[in-house]
Protein backbone atom coordinates (compact mmCIF):
# COMPACT_ATOMS: atom_id res chain seq x y z
CA ALA A 1 -11.75 -9.39 1.40
CA ALA A 2 -10.59 -12.96 1.87
CA ALA A 3 -13.71 -14.28 0.14
CA TRP A 4 -13.12 -12.17 -2.96
CA LEU A 5 -9.37 -12.45 -3.35
CA GLY A 6 -9.47 -15.92 -4.87
CA HIS A 7 -11.99 -14.77 -7.49
CA ILE A 8 -9.93 -11.68 -8.26
CA GLY A 9 -6.75 -13.72 -8.58
CA GLU A 10 -8.46 -16.15 -10.97
CA ALA A 11 -9.88 -13.34 -13.10
CA LEU A 12 -6.44 -11.78 -13.39
CA ALA A 13 -4.91 -15.17 -14.19
CA ARG A 14 -7.38 -15.68 -17.04
CA ALA A 15 -6.72 -12.20 -18.38
CA ASP A 16 -2.94 -12.60 -18.19
CA PRO A 17 -2.07 -16.34 -18.30
CA GLU A 18 1.65 -15.65 -18.48
CA ASN A 19 1.57 -14.22 -14.95
CA ALA A 20 -1.17 -16.49 -13.60
CA PRO A 21 1.01 -18.18 -10.94
CA THR A 22 1.94 -14.79 -9.50
CA TYR A 23 -1.69 -13.61 -9.36
CA ARG A 24 -2.79 -16.82 -7.68
CA ALA A 25 0.05 -16.77 -5.15
CA ASN A 26 -0.53 -13.11 -4.31
CA ALA A 27 -4.27 -13.66 -3.91
CA GLN A 28 -3.68 -16.65 -1.63
CA ALA A 29 -1.16 -14.74 0.50
CA ALA A 30 -3.44 -11.71 0.78
CA ALA A 31 -6.42 -13.88 1.76
CA ALA A 32 -4.36 -15.57 4.47
CA GLY A 33 -3.28 -12.15 5.74
CA ALA A 34 -6.88 -10.93 5.85
CA ILE A 35 -7.92 -14.01 7.80
CA ARG A 36 -5.04 -13.53 10.26
CA LEU A 37 -5.99 -9.88 10.71
CA GLY A 38 -9.59 -10.84 11.48
CA GLU A 39 -8.44 -13.37 14.06
CA GLU A 40 -6.10 -10.81 15.63
CA LEU A 41 -8.88 -8.22 15.86
CA ARG A 42 -11.26 -10.69 17.48
CA ASP A 43 -8.56 -11.66 20.00
CA ARG A 44 -7.74 -8.04 20.80
CA LEU A 45 -11.39 -7.08 21.21
CA ALA A 46 -12.30 -10.10 23.34
CA SER A 47 -11.30 -8.21 26.49
CA LEU A 48 -14.02 -5.65 25.72
CA GLU A 49 -16.79 -8.22 25.77
CA ASP A 50 -18.33 -6.76 28.95
CA ALA A 51 -17.92 -3.13 27.88
CA PRO A 52 -21.19 -1.19 27.65
CA GLY A 53 -20.88 -0.60 23.92
CA TYR A 54 -19.37 1.57 21.26
CA ALA A 55 -20.44 4.14 18.68
CA VAL A 56 -19.88 4.23 14.94
CA GLY A 57 -20.03 7.07 12.47
CA HIS A 58 -21.35 5.20 9.45
CA ASP A 59 -23.49 2.20 8.59
CA ALA A 60 -20.51 0.62 6.78
CA TYR A 61 -19.34 -0.64 10.18
CA GLN A 62 -22.07 -3.29 10.04
CA TYR A 63 -19.52 -5.62 8.42
CA PHE A 64 -17.08 -5.04 11.26
CA GLU A 65 -19.88 -5.51 13.80
CA ARG A 66 -20.82 -8.82 12.23
CA ALA A 67 -17.21 -9.98 12.08
CA ILE A 68 -16.58 -9.38 15.78
CA GLY A 69 -20.04 -10.46 16.87
CA ARG A 70 -20.89 -7.15 18.59
CA PRO A 71 -23.34 -4.63 17.18
CA ALA A 72 -22.75 -0.95 17.79
CA ASN A 73 -24.92 0.70 20.41
CA TRP A 74 -24.94 4.18 18.91
CA ALA A 75 -24.40 5.97 15.65
CA VAL A 76 -23.03 9.50 15.62
CA ARG A 77 -23.27 12.14 12.97
CA ASP A 78 -21.52 15.40 12.30
CA ALA A 79 -24.31 17.92 12.69
CA SER A 80 -22.20 20.99 11.97
CA GLY A 81 -23.85 21.54 8.58
CA LEU A 82 -27.41 21.17 9.86
CA GLU A 83 -29.58 24.20 10.51
């Protein structure tokens, strides 16, 4: 999110120059918040470094795995609709 917010803010600023300073300021603040959140998550999860692993329910968690530096050990699936 932080990587894209600057681009989004600039695109909005070009589309609506009258409000450009607001778009840029909001994008910068949101990017800083996303970076802080990532740092907080890494700090909070550091204590789990020696844990045996964790499971995810969807491949979308690969971004989270990469961000915290720990791949998931298992993937789970709801098999209730399978015959």
